[in-house]
PDB file of N, CA and C in Angstrom:
ATOM      1  N   MET A   1       0.449  28.469  33.574  1.00  0.00           N
ATOM      2  CA  MET A   1       0.047  27.282  34.310  1.00  0.00           C
ATOM      3  C   MET A   1      -0.096  26.083  33.368  1.00  0.00           C
ATOM      4  N   ASP A   2      -0.777  26.250  32.264  1.00  0.00           N
ATOM      5  CA  ASP A   2      -0.974  25.140  31.329  1.00  0.00           C
ATOM      6  C   ASP A   2       0.336  24.725  30.674  1.00  0.00           C
ATOM      7  N   ASN A   3       1.201  25.703  30.407  1.00  0.00           N
ATOM      8  CA  ASN A   3       2.483  25.413  29.785  1.00  0.00           C
ATOM      9  C   ASN A   3       3.346  24.553  30.719  1.00  0.00           C
ATOM     10  N   GLU A   4       3.342  24.870  31.991  1.00  0.00           N
ATOM     11  CA  GLU A   4       4.108  24.106  32.972  1.00  0.00           C
ATOM     12  C   GLU A   4       3.571  22.685  33.111  1.00  0.00           C
ATOM     13  N   LEU A   5       2.267  22.521  33.058  1.00  0.00           N
ATOM     14  CA  LEU A   5       1.631  21.208  33.160  1.00  0.00           C
ATOM     15  C   LEU A   5       1.972  20.339  31.948  1.00  0.00           C
ATOM     16  N   ILE A   6       1.992  20.961  30.783  1.00  0.00           N
ATOM     17  CA  ILE A   6       2.350  20.223  29.563  1.00  0.00           C
ATOM     18  C   ILE A   6       3.810  19.798  29.617  1.00  0.00           C
ATOM     19  N   GLN A   7       4.699  20.672  30.117  1.00  0.00           N
ATOM     20  CA  GLN A   7       6.111  20.316  30.252  1.00  0.00           C
ATOM     21  C   GLN A   7       6.291  19.136  31.196  1.00  0.00           C
ATOM     22  N   GLN A   8       5.594  19.154  32.307  1.00  0.00           N
ATOM     23  CA  GLN A   8       5.688  18.042  33.257  1.00  0.00           C
ATOM     24  C   GLN A   8       5.169  16.747  32.638  1.00  0.00           C
ATOM     25  N   GLY A   9       4.121  16.832  31.849  1.00  0.00           N
ATOM     26  CA  GLY A   9       3.592  15.645  31.174  1.00  0.00           C
ATOM     27  C   GLY A   9       4.583  15.069  30.186  1.00  0.00           C
ATOM     28  N   ILE A  10       5.255  15.951  29.434  1.00  0.00           N
ATOM     29  CA  ILE A  10       6.253  15.494  28.459  1.00  0.00           C
ATOM     30  C   ILE A  10       7.441  14.857  29.168  1.00  0.00           C
ATOM     31  N   VAL A  11       7.907  15.475  30.263  1.00  0.00           N
ATOM     32  CA  VAL A  11       9.030  14.915  31.014  1.00  0.00           C
ATOM     33  C   VAL A  11       8.662  13.552  31.587  1.00  0.00           C
ATOM     34  N   LEU A  12       7.482  13.429  32.128  1.00  0.00           N
ATOM     35  CA  LEU A  12       7.038  12.152  32.694  1.00  0.00           C
ATOM     36  C   LEU A  12       6.914  11.085  31.600  1.00  0.00           C
ATOM     37  N   THR A  13       6.406  11.468  30.442  1.00  0.00           N
ATOM     38  CA  THR A  13       6.280  10.529  29.325  1.00  0.00           C
ATOM     39  C   THR A  13       7.645  10.049  28.869  1.00  0.00           C
ATOM     40  N   LEU A  14       8.592  10.973  28.703  1.00  0.00           N
ATOM     41  CA  LEU A  14       9.939  10.593  28.265  1.00  0.00           C
ATOM     42  C   LEU A  14      10.631   9.730  29.313  1.00  0.00           C
ATOM     43  N   PHE A  15      10.449  10.036  30.591  1.00  0.00           N
ATOM     44  CA  PHE A  15      11.038   9.220  31.651  1.00  0.00           C
ATOM     45  C   PHE A  15      10.464   7.803  31.628  1.00  0.00           C
ATOM     46  N   GLY A  16       9.160   7.691  31.473  1.00  0.00           N
ATOM     47  CA  GLY A  16       8.528   6.370  31.426  1.00  0.00           C
ATOM     48  C   GLY A  16       8.967   5.569  30.215  1.00  0.00           C
ATOM     49  N   MET A  17       9.011   6.207  29.053  1.00  0.00           N
ATOM     50  CA  MET A  17       9.439   5.505  27.841  1.00  0.00           C
ATOM     51  C   MET A  17      10.909   5.096  27.932  1.00  0.00           C
ATOM     52  N   GLY A  18      11.732   5.966  28.530  1.00  0.00           N
ATOM     53  CA  GLY A  18      13.147   5.634  28.711  1.00  0.00           C
ATOM     54  C   GLY A  18      13.330   4.452  29.645  1.00  0.00           C
ATOM     55  N   THR A  19      12.542   4.413  30.704  1.00  0.00           N
ATOM     56  CA  THR A  19      12.617   3.301  31.651  1.00  0.00           C
ATOM     57  C   THR A  19      12.250   1.983  30.973  1.00  0.00           C
ATOM     58  N   VAL A  20      11.190   1.989  30.202  1.00  0.00           N
ATOM     59  CA  VAL A  20      10.772   0.771  29.496  1.00  0.00           C
ATOM     60  C   VAL A  20      11.827   0.362  28.481  1.00  0.00           C
ATOM     61  N   PHE A  21      12.386   1.318  27.763  1.00  0.00           N
ATOM     62  CA  PHE A  21      13.406   1.028  26.762  1.00  0.00           C
ATOM     63  C   PHE A  21      14.637   0.384  27.406  1.00  0.00           C
ATOM     64  N   VAL A  22      15.104   0.953  28.510  1.00  0.00           N
ATOM     65  CA  VAL A  22      16.264   0.399  29.211  1.00  0.00           C
ATOM     66  C   VAL A  22      15.951  -0.998  29.742  1.00  0.00           C
ATOM     67  N   PHE A  23      14.764  -1.193  30.289  1.00  0.00           N
ATOM     68  CA  PHE A  23      14.384  -2.513  30.791  1.00  0.00           C
ATOM     69  C   PHE A  23      14.388  -3.550  29.666  1.00  0.00           C
ATOM     70  N   LEU A  24      13.852  -3.197  28.503  1.00  0.00           N
ATOM     71  CA  LEU A  24      13.816  -4.145  27.394  1.00  0.00           C
ATOM     72  C   LEU A  24      15.212  -4.470  26.880  1.00  0.00           C
ATOM     73  N   ILE A  25      16.117  -3.494  26.871  1.00  0.00           N
ATOM     74  CA  ILE A  25      17.494  -3.761  26.455  1.00  0.00           C
ATOM     75  C   ILE A  25      18.163  -4.718  27.442  1.00  0.00           C
ATOM     76  N   VAL A  26      17.985  -4.467  28.738  1.00  0.00           N
ATOM     77  CA  VAL A  26      18.573  -5.351  29.748  1.00  0.00           C
ATOM     78  C   VAL A  26      17.980  -6.758  29.637  1.00  0.00           C
ATOM     79  N   LEU A  27      16.689  -6.846  29.435  1.00  0.00           N
ATOM     80  CA  LEU A  27      16.036  -8.150  29.286  1.00  0.00           C
ATOM     81  C   LEU A  27      16.590  -8.901  28.078  1.00  0.00           C
ATOM     82  N   THR A  28      16.788  -8.207  26.973  1.00  0.00           N
ATOM     83  CA  THR A  28      17.331  -8.840  25.773  1.00  0.00           C
ATOM     84  C   THR A  28      18.751  -9.337  26.015  1.00  0.00           C
ATOM     85  N   LEU A  29      19.583  -8.519  26.648  1.00  0.00           N
ATOM     86  CA  LEU A  29      20.963  -8.922  26.910  1.00  0.00           C
ATOM     87  C   LEU A  29      21.034 -10.114  27.857  1.00  0.00           C
ATOM     88  N   VAL A  30      20.200 -10.132  28.879  1.00  0.00           N
ATOM     89  CA  VAL A  30      20.185 -11.263  29.816  1.00  0.00           C
ATOM     90  C   VAL A  30      19.710 -12.531  29.116  1.00  0.00           C
ATOM     91  N   THR A  31      18.718 -12.405  28.255  1.00  0.00           N
ATOM     92  CA  THR A  31      18.214 -13.574  27.525  1.00  0.00           C
ATOM     93  C   THR A  31      19.287 -14.132  26.593  1.00  0.00           C
ATOM     94  N   ILE A  32      20.003 -13.272  25.910  1.00  0.00           N
ATOM     95  CA  ILE A  32      21.079 -13.723  25.021  1.00  0.00           C
ATOM     96  C   ILE A  32      22.178 -14.413  25.833  1.00  0.00           C
ATOM     97  N   ALA A  33      22.541 -13.830  26.971  1.00  0.00           N
ATOM     98  CA  ALA A  33      23.583 -14.423  27.807  1.00  0.00           C
ATOM     99  C   ALA A  33      23.149 -15.792  28.334  1.00  0.00           C
ATOM    100  N   MET A  34      21.914 -15.905  28.765  1.00  0.00           N
ATOM    101  CA  MET A  34      21.424 -17.196  29.265  1.00  0.00           C
ATOM    102  C   MET A  34      21.393 -18.237  28.157  1.00  0.00           C
ATOM    103  N   SER A  35      20.997 -17.837  26.975  1.00  0.00           N
ATOM    104  CA  SER A  35      20.948 -18.762  25.847  1.00  0.00           C
ATOM    105  C   SER A  35      22.342 -19.286  25.518  1.00  0.00           C
ATOM    106  N   ARG A  36      23.306 -18.393  25.501  1.00  0.00           N
ATOM    107  CA  ARG A  36      24.689 -18.821  25.228  1.00  0.00           C
ATOM    108  C   ARG A  36      25.210 -19.732  26.322  1.00  0.00           C
ATOM    109  N   ALA A  37      24.877 -19.443  27.576  1.00  0.00           N
ATOM    110  CA  ALA A  37      25.333 -20.281  28.680  1.00  0.00           C
ATOM    111  C   ALA A  37      24.723 -21.678  28.594  1.00  0.00           C
ATOM    112  N   VAL A  38      23.453 -21.755  28.272  1.00  0.00           N
ATOM    113  CA  VAL A  38      22.808 -23.068  28.158  1.00  0.00           C
ATOM    114  C   VAL A  38      23.404 -23.851  27.001  1.00  0.00           C
ATOM    115  N   LEU A  39      23.617 -23.193  25.874  1.00  0.00           N
ATOM    116  CA  LEU A  39      24.200 -23.895  24.732  1.00  0.00           C
ATOM    117  C   LEU A  39      25.625 -24.358  25.022  1.00  0.00           C
ATOM    118  N   ARG A  40      26.332 -23.602  25.827  1.00  0.00           N
ATOM    119  CA  ARG A  40      27.717 -23.953  26.108  1.00  0.00           C
ATOM    120  C   ARG A  40      27.832 -25.065  27.147  1.00  0.00           C
ATOM    121  N   PHE A  41      27.047 -24.985  28.204  1.00  0.00           N
ATOM    122  CA  PHE A  41      27.226 -25.912  29.317  1.00  0.00           C
ATOM    123  C   PHE A  41      26.251 -27.087  29.316  1.00  0.00           C
ATOM    124  N   ALA A  42      25.083 -26.941  28.753  1.00  0.00           N
ATOM    125  CA  ALA A  42      24.080 -28.003  28.832  1.00  0.00           C
ATOM    126  C   ALA A  42      23.890 -28.745  27.520  1.00  0.00           C
ATOM    127  N   ALA A  43      24.566 -28.338  26.478  1.00  0.00           N
ATOM    128  CA  ALA A  43      24.406 -29.006  25.189  1.00  0.00           C
ATOM    129  C   ALA A  43      25.098 -30.365  25.229  1.00  0.00           C
ATOM    130  N   PRO A  44      24.524 -31.379  24.585  1.00  0.00           N
ATOM    131  CA  PRO A  44      25.162 -32.700  24.572  1.00  0.00           C
ATOM    132  C   PRO A  44      26.450 -32.659  23.754  1.00  0.00           C
ATOM    133  N   GLU A  45      27.361 -33.510  24.137  1.00  0.00           N
ATOM    134  CA  GLU A  45      28.634 -33.607  23.413  1.00  0.00           C
ATOM    135  C   GLU A  45      28.388 -34.201  22.036  1.00  0.00           C
ATOM    136  N   ALA A  46      29.328 -34.008  21.141  1.00  0.00           N
ATOM    137  CA  ALA A  46      29.179 -34.499  19.772  1.00  0.00           C
ATOM    138  C   ALA A  46      29.116 -36.023  19.725  1.00  0.00           C
ATOM    139  N   GLY A  47      29.804 -36.700  20.652  1.00  0.00           N
ATOM    140  CA  GLY A  47      29.828 -38.153  20.655  1.00  0.00           C
ATOM    141  C   GLY A  47      28.682 -38.787  21.414  1.00  0.00           C
ATOM    142  N   ASP A  48      27.933 -38.000  22.180  1.00  0.00           N
ATOM    143  CA  ASP A  48      26.834 -38.556  22.959  1.00  0.00           C
ATOM    144  C   ASP A  48      25.704 -39.007  22.044  1.00  0.00           C
ATOM    145  N   ASN A  49      25.137 -40.162  22.351  1.00  0.00           N
ATOM    146  CA  ASN A  49      23.993 -40.652  21.601  1.00  0.00           C
ATOM    147  C   ASN A  49      22.741 -40.247  22.360  1.00  0.00           C
ATOM    148  N   VAL A  50      22.049 -39.234  21.879  1.00  0.00           N
ATOM    149  CA  VAL A  50      20.886 -38.702  22.582  1.00  0.00           C
ATOM    150  C   VAL A  50      19.713 -39.665  22.489  1.00  0.00           C
ATOM    151  N   LEU A  51      19.504 -40.263  21.331  1.00  0.00           N
ATOM    152  CA  LEU A  51      18.389 -41.191  21.129  1.00  0.00           C
ATOM    153  C   LEU A  51      18.876 -42.625  21.310  1.00  0.00           C
ATOM    154  N   ALA A  52      18.150 -43.397  22.089  1.00  0.00           N
ATOM    155  CA  ALA A  52      18.541 -44.782  22.318  1.00  0.00           C
ATOM    156  C   ALA A  52      18.334 -45.617  21.060  1.00  0.00           C
ATOM    157  N   GLU A  53      17.271 -45.341  20.341  1.00  0.00           N
ATOM    158  CA  GLU A  53      17.007 -46.064  19.101  1.00  0.00           C
ATOM    159  C   GLU A  53      16.528 -45.067  18.047  1.00  0.00           C
ATOM    160  N   PRO A  54      16.844 -45.306  16.805  1.00  0.00           N
ATOM    161  CA  PRO A  54      16.459 -44.348  15.766  1.00  0.00           C
ATOM    162  C   PRO A  54      14.940 -44.298  15.583  1.00  0.00           C
ATOM    163  N   VAL A  55      14.465 -43.141  15.226  1.00  0.00           N
ATOM    164  CA  VAL A  55      13.040 -42.936  14.988  1.00  0.00           C
ATOM    165  C   VAL A  55      12.745 -43.251  13.533  1.00  0.00           C
ATOM    166  N   ALA A  56      11.659 -43.957  13.285  1.00  0.00           N
ATOM    167  CA  ALA A  56      11.301 -44.313  11.923  1.00  0.00           C
ATOM    168  C   ALA A  56      10.887 -43.070  11.149  1.00  0.00           C
ATOM    169  N   ASN A  57      11.297 -43.012   9.920  1.00  0.00           N
ATOM    170  CA  ASN A  57      10.923 -41.911   9.051  1.00  0.00           C
ATOM    171  C   ASN A  57       9.480 -42.116   8.606  1.00  0.00           C
ATOM    172  N   PRO A  58       8.583 -41.158   8.855  1.00  0.00           N
ATOM    173  CA  PRO A  58       7.184 -41.351   8.493  1.00  0.00           C
ATOM    174  C   PRO A  58       6.975 -41.618   7.003  1.00  0.00           C
ATOM    175  N   ALA A  59       7.877 -41.162   6.176  1.00  0.00           N
ATOM    176  CA  ALA A  59       7.724 -41.373   4.736  1.00  0.00           C
ATOM    177  C   ALA A  59       7.970 -42.832   4.350  1.00  0.00           C
ATOM    178  N   THR A  60       8.622 -43.606   5.225  1.00  0.00           N
ATOM    179  CA  THR A  60       8.935 -44.989   4.881  1.00  0.00           C
ATOM    180  C   THR A  60       7.975 -45.990   5.515  1.00  0.00           C
ATOM    181  N   ILE A  61       6.980 -45.527   6.259  1.00  0.00           N
ATOM    182  CA  ILE A  61       6.017 -46.443   6.867  1.00  0.00           C
ATOM    183  C   ILE A  61       5.079 -46.958   5.778  1.00  0.00           C
ATOM    184  N   GLU A  62       5.004 -48.276   5.651  1.00  0.00           N
ATOM    185  CA  GLU A  62       4.206 -48.869   4.585  1.00  0.00           C
ATOM    186  C   GLU A  62       3.133 -49.804   5.133  1.00  0.00           C
ATOM    187  N   ASP A  63       2.612 -49.538   6.303  1.00  0.00           N
ATOM    188  CA  ASP A  63       1.567 -50.350   6.891  1.00  0.00           C
ATOM    189  C   ASP A  63       0.242 -49.979   6.231  1.00  0.00           C
ATOM    190  N   PRO A  64      -0.377 -50.895   5.484  1.00  0.00           N
ATOM    191  CA  PRO A  64      -1.607 -50.548   4.762  1.00  0.00           C
ATOM    192  C   PRO A  64      -2.769 -50.191   5.691  1.00  0.00           C
ATOM    193  N   ARG A  65      -2.821 -50.804   6.875  1.00  0.00           N
ATOM    194  CA  ARG A  65      -3.899 -50.463   7.813  1.00  0.00           C
ATOM    195  C   ARG A  65      -3.750 -49.024   8.321  1.00  0.00           C
ATOM    196  N   LEU A  66      -2.526 -48.636   8.611  1.00  0.00           N
ATOM    197  CA  LEU A  66      -2.276 -47.275   9.077  1.00  0.00           C
ATOM    198  C   LEU A  66      -2.616 -46.256   7.998  1.00  0.00           C
ATOM    199  N   ILE A  67      -2.248 -46.555   6.781  1.00  0.00           N
ATOM    200  CA  ILE A  67      -2.565 -45.654   5.661  1.00  0.00           C
ATOM    201  C   ILE A  67      -4.078 -45.550   5.488  1.00  0.00           C
ATOM    202  N   ALA A  68      -4.796 -46.674   5.624  1.00  0.00           N
ATOM    203  CA  ALA A  68      -6.253 -46.658   5.482  1.00  0.00           C
ATOM    204  C   ALA A  68      -6.904 -45.832   6.593  1.00  0.00           C
ATOM    205  N   VAL A  69      -6.403 -45.948   7.813  1.00  0.00           N
ATOM    206  CA  VAL A  69      -6.955 -45.192   8.937  1.00  0.00           C
ATOM    207  C   VAL A  69      -6.717 -43.695   8.737  1.00  0.00           C
ATOM    208  N   ILE A  70      -5.529 -43.333   8.315  1.00  0.00           N
ATOM    209  CA  ILE A  70      -5.217 -41.917   8.084  1.00  0.00           C
ATOM    210  C   ILE A  70      -6.065 -41.357   6.954  1.00  0.00           C
ATOM    211  N   THR A  71      -6.231 -42.116   5.883  1.00  0.00           N
ATOM    212  CA  THR A  71      -7.054 -41.665   4.760  1.00  0.00           C
ATOM    213  C   THR A  71      -8.504 -41.472   5.178  1.00  0.00           C
ATOM    214  N   ALA A  72      -9.040 -42.412   5.966  1.00  0.00           N
ATOM    215  CA  ALA A  72     -10.420 -42.287   6.434  1.00  0.00           C
ATOM    216  C   ALA A  72     -10.581 -41.077   7.349  1.00  0.00           C
ATOM    217  N   ALA A  73      -9.599 -40.822   8.183  1.00  0.00           N
ATOM    218  CA  ALA A  73      -9.666 -39.664   9.080  1.00  0.00           C
ATOM    219  C   ALA A  73      -9.649 -38.359   8.292  1.00  0.00           C
ATOM    220  N   ILE A  74      -8.839 -38.297   7.256  1.00  0.00           N
ATOM    221  CA  ILE A  74      -8.785 -37.087   6.428  1.00  0.00           C
ATOM    222  C   ILE A  74     -10.103 -36.888   5.698  1.00  0.00           C
ATOM    223  N   ARG A  75     -10.672 -37.951   5.165  1.00  0.00           N
ATOM    224  CA  ARG A  75     -11.967 -37.834   4.473  1.00  0.00           C
ATOM    225  C   ARG A  75     -13.062 -37.364   5.428  1.00  0.00           C
ATOM    226  N   GLN A  76     -13.089 -37.934   6.638  1.00  0.00           N
ATOM    227  CA  GLN A  76     -14.088 -37.547   7.623  1.00  0.00           C
ATOM    228  C   GLN A  76     -13.927 -36.087   8.014  1.00  0.00           C
ATOM    229  N   TYR A  77     -12.702 -35.660   8.189  1.00  0.00           N
ATOM    230  CA  TYR A  77     -12.437 -34.263   8.546  1.00  0.00           C
ATOM    231  C   TYR A  77     -12.924 -33.332   7.434  1.00  0.00           C
ATOM    232  N   ARG A  78     -12.591 -33.657   6.196  1.00  0.00           N
ATOM    233  CA  ARG A  78     -13.008 -32.809   5.076  1.00  0.00           C
ATOM    234  C   ARG A  78     -14.527 -32.810   4.897  1.00  0.00           C
ATOM    235  N   LYS A  79     -15.157 -33.958   5.166  1.00  0.00           N
ATOM    236  CA  LYS A  79     -16.606 -34.046   5.056  1.00  0.00           C
ATOM    237  C   LYS A  79     -17.273 -33.164   6.111  1.00  0.00           C
ATOM    238  N   ASN A  80     -16.811 -33.241   7.354  1.00  0.00           N
ATOM    239  CA  ASN A  80     -17.356 -32.415   8.435  1.00  0.00           C
ATOM    240  C   ASN A  80     -17.012 -30.952   8.243  1.00  0.00           C
ATOM    241  N   ARG A  81     -15.893 -30.660   7.679  1.00  0.00           N
ATOM    242  CA  ARG A  81     -15.460 -29.282   7.469  1.00  0.00           C
ATOM    243  C   ARG A  81     -16.305 -28.601   6.395  1.00  0.00           C
ATOM    244  N   SER A  82     -16.738 -29.351   5.395  1.00  0.00           N
ATOM    245  CA  SER A  82     -17.520 -28.751   4.302  1.00  0.00           C
ATOM    246  C   SER A  82     -18.942 -28.406   4.749  1.00  0.00           C
ATOM    247  N   LYS A  83     -19.429 -29.030   5.832  1.00  0.00           N
ATOM    248  CA  LYS A  83     -20.773 -28.724   6.334  1.00  0.00           C
ATOM    249  C   LYS A  83     -20.828 -27.387   7.048  1.00  0.00           C
ATOM    250  N   ILE A  84     -19.714 -26.924   7.512  1.00  0.00           N
ATOM    251  CA  ILE A  84     -19.684 -25.680   8.299  1.00  0.00           C
ATOM    252  C   ILE A  84     -19.878 -24.471   7.448  1.00  0.00           C
TER     253      ILE A  84
END
């Protein structure tokens, strides 16, 4: 009786694990297919201008007020962080 119960438990476990494994493989394949379809059909053309105007490079911003505000914010953050 116990041997038969253990066999049924093993069969049920293998069936459940197999079902999950197959589902994950199908999910992965569908995700890959959808990704390729989106890249193929919805991607902008090489000649399309996606941005209307160029974005400024943060490294080239030289506004002294902005730099002062950022520096003060960092100091305040570090001051409050050290109290914890």
